[in-house]
Protein backbone atom coordinates (compact mmCIF):
# COMPACT_ATOMS: atom_id res chain seq x y z
CA MET A 1 14.81 -6.37 8.25
CA ARG A 2 14.62 -4.49 4.99
CA PRO A 3 14.51 -0.72 5.21
CA VAL A 4 11.07 0.77 4.70
CA THR A 5 11.25 3.78 2.46
CA VAL A 6 8.89 6.35 1.03
CA SER A 7 9.08 7.53 -2.56
CA VAL A 8 8.61 11.14 -3.61
CA MET A 9 5.44 11.88 -5.58
CA GLU A 10 4.62 14.54 -8.09
CA PRO A 11 3.45 17.80 -6.45
CA GLU A 12 -0.14 17.44 -7.69
CA GLU A 13 -0.34 13.94 -6.23
CA VAL A 14 0.93 15.19 -2.88
CA THR A 15 -1.67 17.97 -2.93
CA ARG A 16 -4.51 15.59 -3.76
CA LEU A 17 -3.53 13.12 -1.04
CA ALA A 18 -3.08 15.90 1.52
CA ARG A 19 -6.49 17.37 0.67
CA ARG A 20 -8.12 14.01 1.21
CA ALA A 21 -6.44 13.60 4.60
CA ILE A 22 -7.28 17.17 5.61
CA ALA A 23 -10.91 16.55 4.68
CA VAL A 24 -10.97 13.57 7.04
CA LEU A 25 -9.52 15.63 9.88
CA ALA A 26 -11.85 18.55 9.19
CA ALA A 27 -14.88 16.27 9.27
CA HIS A 28 -14.08 15.33 12.86
CA GLY A 29 -13.31 18.70 14.37
CA PRO A 30 -13.29 22.44 13.78
CA GLY A 31 -10.37 24.21 12.21
CA ARG A 32 -9.12 25.78 9.01
CA SER A 33 -7.41 23.74 6.31
CA ASP A 34 -4.03 25.30 7.13
CA GLY A 35 -4.49 24.20 10.74
CA MET A 36 -5.25 20.69 9.55
CA ALA A 37 -2.13 20.73 7.40
CA ARG A 38 -0.08 21.61 10.46
CA ARG A 39 -1.73 18.71 12.24
CA LEU A 40 -0.41 16.36 9.56
CA ILE A 41 3.06 17.79 10.17
CA ARG A 42 2.68 17.14 13.90
CA MET A 43 1.65 13.57 13.12
CA SER A 44 4.75 13.22 10.97
CA ASP A 45 6.90 14.54 13.82
CA ALA A 46 5.30 12.10 16.27
CA PHE A 47 6.07 9.10 14.09
CA ILE A 48 9.73 10.01 13.64
CA SER A 49 10.22 10.93 17.28
CA SER A 50 12.01 8.56 19.66
CA ASP A 51 9.35 9.40 22.25
CA GLU A 52 6.78 6.63 21.88
CA THR A 53 4.22 8.50 23.95
CA GLN A 54 3.88 11.11 21.20
CA ARG A 55 2.59 8.49 18.77
CA HIS A 56 0.16 7.09 21.33
CA GLU A 57 -1.14 10.58 22.10
CA VAL A 58 -1.65 11.34 18.40
CA LEU A 59 -3.62 8.14 17.84
CA LEU A 60 -5.64 8.64 21.02
CA ARG A 61 -6.58 12.17 19.97
CA LEU A 62 -7.70 10.94 16.55
CA ARG A 63 -9.94 8.35 18.18
CA GLN A 64 -11.35 10.97 20.54
CA ASP A 65 -12.11 13.15 17.52
CA GLY A 66 -14.05 10.28 15.97
CA VAL A 67 -11.61 9.35 13.20
CA SER A 68 -12.24 5.70 12.28
CA ASN A 69 -9.53 3.11 11.87
CA GLU A 70 -10.51 2.86 8.21
CA ASP A 71 -9.97 6.57 7.59
CA LEU A 72 -6.72 6.44 9.51
CA VAL A 73 -5.41 3.54 7.41
CA ASP A 74 -6.81 4.68 4.05
CA HIS A 75 -6.11 8.40 4.21
CA LEU A 76 -4.03 9.66 7.12
CA VAL A 77 -1.27 7.05 7.09
CA PRO A 78 -0.60 7.47 3.32
CA ALA A 79 -0.68 11.26 3.67
CA VAL A 80 1.78 11.25 6.57
CA ALA A 81 4.06 8.84 4.71
CA ARG A 82 4.04 11.07 1.65
CA LEU A 83 4.67 14.12 3.78
CA MET A 84 7.73 12.41 5.24
CA GLY A 85 9.01 11.79 1.72
CA GLU A 86 8.47 15.41 0.77
CA ARG A 87 10.15 16.68 3.94
CA TRP A 88 13.16 14.48 3.25
CA PHE A 89 13.30 15.76 -0.34
CA ALA A 90 13.28 19.31 1.06
CA ASP A 91 16.10 18.42 3.51
CA GLU A 92 13.86 19.03 6.50
CA ILE A 93 14.35 15.52 7.90
CA SER A 94 16.90 12.79 7.31
CA PHE A 95 16.47 9.60 5.31
CA ALA A 96 16.84 7.69 8.58
CA HIS A 97 13.85 9.62 9.95
CA VAL A 98 11.82 8.65 6.89
CA THR A 99 12.74 4.98 7.20
CA ILE A 100 11.95 4.86 10.92
CA GLY A 101 8.74 6.83 10.53
CA ALA A 102 7.47 4.68 7.67
CA ALA A 103 8.19 1.50 9.63
CA ARG A 104 6.17 2.86 12.57
CA LEU A 105 3.31 3.79 10.26
CA GLN A 106 3.35 0.24 8.97
CA GLU A 107 3.21 -1.09 12.53
CA THR A 108 0.15 1.11 13.08
CA VAL A 109 -1.58 -0.28 9.98
CA ARG A 110 -0.88 -3.83 11.10
CA ALA A 111 -2.15 -3.10 14.62
CA LEU A 112 -5.35 -1.40 13.46
CA GLY A 113 -6.02 -3.51 10.38
CA ARG A 114 -8.27 -6.48 9.98
CA ARG A 115 -7.17 -10.08 10.05
CA ASN A 116 -8.07 -12.69 7.46
CA GLU A 117 -11.50 -14.21 7.85
CA ALA A 118 -11.28 -17.94 8.46
CA ASP A 119 -14.16 -18.62 6.05
CA ALA A 120 -13.15 -16.19 3.32
CA GLU A 121 -13.96 -17.68 -0.07
CA ARG A 122 -11.60 -15.43 -2.02
CA ALA A 123 -7.84 -15.42 -1.48
CA VAL A 124 -5.30 -13.02 -2.94
CA LEU A 125 -1.52 -13.03 -2.83
CA LEU A 126 0.20 -9.63 -2.91
CA VAL A 127 3.83 -9.76 -3.97
CA VAL A 128 6.51 -7.14 -3.43
CA PRO A 129 9.40 -8.08 -5.76
CA ARG A 130 12.92 -8.28 -4.39
CA ALA A 131 13.90 -5.18 -6.38
CA GLU A 132 11.29 -3.08 -4.57
CA HIS A 133 11.85 -1.34 -1.25
CA HIS A 134 8.41 0.12 -0.53
CA THR A 135 5.97 -1.99 1.47
CA LEU A 136 3.70 0.30 3.52
CA GLY A 137 1.17 0.67 0.72
CA THR A 138 0.89 -3.09 0.34
CA PHE A 139 -0.26 -3.42 3.94
CA VAL A 140 -2.73 -0.57 3.46
CA LEU A 141 -4.09 -2.31 0.37
CA ALA A 142 -4.26 -5.66 2.17
CA ASP A 143 -6.40 -4.11 4.89
CA GLN A 144 -8.73 -2.61 2.30
CA LEU A 145 -9.14 -5.96 0.58
CA ARG A 146 -9.81 -7.75 3.87
CA ARG A 147 -12.62 -5.30 4.55
CA ARG A 148 -14.16 -6.62 1.33
CA GLY A 149 -14.07 -10.16 2.64
CA VAL A 150 -10.92 -11.19 0.76
CA ALA A 151 -8.22 -13.24 2.49
CA VAL A 152 -4.81 -11.72 1.78
CA ASP A 153 -1.31 -13.12 2.06
CA ILE A 154 1.71 -10.89 1.50
CA ALA A 155 5.07 -12.00 0.13
CA VAL A 156 7.86 -9.46 0.56
CA ASP A 157 11.39 -10.03 -0.75
CA ARG A 158 10.78 -13.74 -1.24
CA HIS A 159 13.16 -15.91 -3.22
CA PRO A 160 11.44 -17.38 -6.30
CA ARG A 161 11.59 -20.84 -4.72
CA GLN A 162 9.76 -19.54 -1.64
CA LEU A 163 7.10 -17.95 -3.80
CA ALA A 164 6.61 -21.21 -5.70
CA GLU A 165 6.13 -23.01 -2.38
CA LEU A 166 3.45 -20.52 -1.32
CA LEU A 167 1.62 -21.03 -4.59
CA ARG A 168 1.68 -24.80 -4.16
CA LYS A 169 0.34 -24.65 -0.61
CA ARG A 170 -2.71 -22.49 -1.22
CA ARG A 171 -5.09 -21.72 -4.03
CA TYR A 172 -5.13 -18.02 -4.83
CA HIS A 173 -7.80 -16.40 -6.96
CA MET A 174 -5.49 -13.53 -7.90
CA VAL A 175 -1.83 -12.63 -7.60
CA GLY A 176 -1.06 -8.93 -7.44
CA ILE A 177 2.46 -7.64 -8.06
CA THR A 178 3.57 -4.10 -7.42
CA ALA A 179 6.17 -2.26 -9.48
CA SER A 180 7.46 1.28 -9.18
CA GLY A 181 9.34 1.56 -12.46
CA ARG A 182 11.20 -0.06 -15.34
CA ARG A 183 14.00 -1.40 -13.13
CA THR A 184 11.53 -3.69 -11.38
CA LEU A 185 9.96 -5.20 -14.49
CA ALA A 186 12.65 -7.83 -15.06
CA SER A 187 11.97 -9.18 -11.57
CA VAL A 188 8.24 -9.00 -12.19
CA LYS A 189 8.57 -11.02 -15.41
CA GLU A 190 10.54 -13.67 -13.53
CA LEU A 191 7.77 -13.85 -10.93
CA VAL A 192 5.07 -14.13 -13.59
CA ASP A 193 6.99 -16.99 -15.24
CA ILE A 194 7.26 -18.76 -11.88
CA ILE A 195 3.54 -18.38 -11.27
CA ARG A 196 2.75 -19.78 -14.70
CA SER A 197 5.04 -22.79 -14.23
CA THR A 198 3.94 -23.51 -10.65
CA VAL A 199 0.17 -23.12 -10.77
CA THR A 200 -1.65 -25.61 -12.98
CA ARG A 201 -5.02 -23.83 -12.70
CA VAL A 202 -5.67 -20.42 -14.19
CA THR A 203 -4.66 -17.72 -11.69
CA PRO A 204 -4.83 -14.17 -13.06
CA VAL A 205 -1.81 -11.98 -12.43
CA ILE A 206 -2.34 -8.25 -11.96
CA ILE A 207 0.33 -5.56 -12.14
CA GLY A 208 -0.14 -2.25 -10.39
CA GLY A 209 1.79 0.63 -8.94
CA PRO A 210 3.57 3.77 -10.13
CA VAL A 211 4.94 1.85 -13.13
CA LEU A 212 1.51 2.28 -14.71
CA ASP A 213 2.20 6.01 -14.98
CA LYS A 214 5.24 5.33 -17.15
CA ASP A 215 5.08 5.12 -20.93
CA LEU A 216 5.62 1.37 -20.91
CA ASP A 217 3.74 -1.65 -22.23
CA VAL A 218 3.70 -3.39 -18.88
CA LEU A 219 1.76 -6.44 -20.05
CA ALA A 220 4.10 -7.08 -22.97
CA LEU A 221 7.17 -6.65 -20.78
CA THR A 222 5.97 -8.92 -17.97
CA GLY A 223 3.49 -11.39 -19.46
CA ALA A 224 0.89 -10.54 -16.80
CA ASP A 225 -2.84 -10.78 -17.50
CA HIS A 226 -4.03 -7.35 -16.45
CA ILE A 227 -3.02 -4.00 -15.08
CA ALA A 228 -5.11 -2.18 -12.48
CA ARG A 229 -4.89 1.15 -10.74
CA ASP A 230 -7.23 0.29 -7.89
CA ALA A 231 -8.31 -2.75 -5.94
CA ALA A 232 -11.90 -2.77 -7.13
CA SER A 233 -10.99 -2.90 -10.82
CA ALA A 234 -8.40 -5.61 -10.14
CA LEU A 235 -11.00 -7.76 -8.40
CA MET A 236 -13.51 -7.16 -11.16
CA LYS A 237 -11.02 -8.12 -13.88
CA CYS A 238 -10.48 -11.39 -12.03
CA GLY A 239 -14.21 -11.98 -11.62
CA LEU A 240 -13.97 -11.50 -7.87
CA GLU A 241 -15.93 -8.30 -7.47
CA GLN A 242 -19.22 -6.88 -8.65
CA THR A 243 -19.54 -3.42 -10.15
CA GLY A 244 -20.84 -0.61 -7.99
CA LYS A 245 -18.50 -1.20 -5.06
CA ARG A 246 -16.43 1.67 -3.74
CA THR A 247 -13.03 1.96 -5.36
CA LEU A 248 -9.87 1.41 -3.34
CA SER A 249 -6.83 3.16 -4.74
CA MET A 250 -3.96 0.84 -5.55
CA THR A 251 -1.81 3.55 -7.07
CA ASN A 252 -1.90 5.72 -3.97
CA SER A 253 -1.31 2.74 -1.76
CA ASN A 254 1.73 1.66 -3.57
CA ARG A 255 3.20 5.05 -3.77
CA THR A 256 3.08 5.03 -0.08
CA GLY A 257 4.87 1.95 0.04
CA ASN A 258 3.53 -1.00 -2.01
CA GLY A 259 0.63 -3.10 -3.05
CA VAL A 260 -1.11 -4.34 -6.07
CA THR A 261 -1.26 -0.93 -6.74
CA GLY A 262 0.35 -2.05 -7.03
CA GLY A 263 1.92 -0.35 -1.18
CA GLU A 264 5.16 -1.65 3.76
CA GLY A 265 6.48 -6.20 5.38
């Protein structure tokens, strides 16, 4: 199994994500914002602890407080994952703790998330290139898309031949590829070329993720059709979504781990 890791964000991004998570907690119980921040730390501790009961107790308490699965997946899991990354950067926890904790967060997302609808008319393939090591955000994003009635398959660390086989077996209405930086773009270009040579029909390819924050011409470097910072805009660019829907952040998801945000498998 590949290690699941968490990248370190810019301080303002950490603050924004933490505020969002704290707002969710505050909406379901009394307490000051600093108390809610400590609660995120306790959640982080529970997910890196070897004591499984701590994680169950944390999740049970959240349910008792009225926190929905959607808020847990969309806001609390990314915030806890980012907090782990920041704590590792500050030498408060080890890299092994981060890897174990992120993997457990991913298990939680998979356990709480939705499954593909059998009659879903829209299908999307989310690809995590072999050069990437973050996958949690991809599973968060997949759950968000499924809530919109989109069937989602995820390909993590697949050999190009395996990806080509997937594309031959099923018709996808969009392929989303995540990239964190310049080092991934060569792999992304190879994947785009494979998609073009394998799929005879027009299948739009979307690039997302932290790479969009770099001063790079991502489309020119990869040959993809579009870039998108959130799920809603990606779906709209592919003609799969109507305007006016709530936006799902792809950038945040991926920075947690991976997605077409381009966010963990």
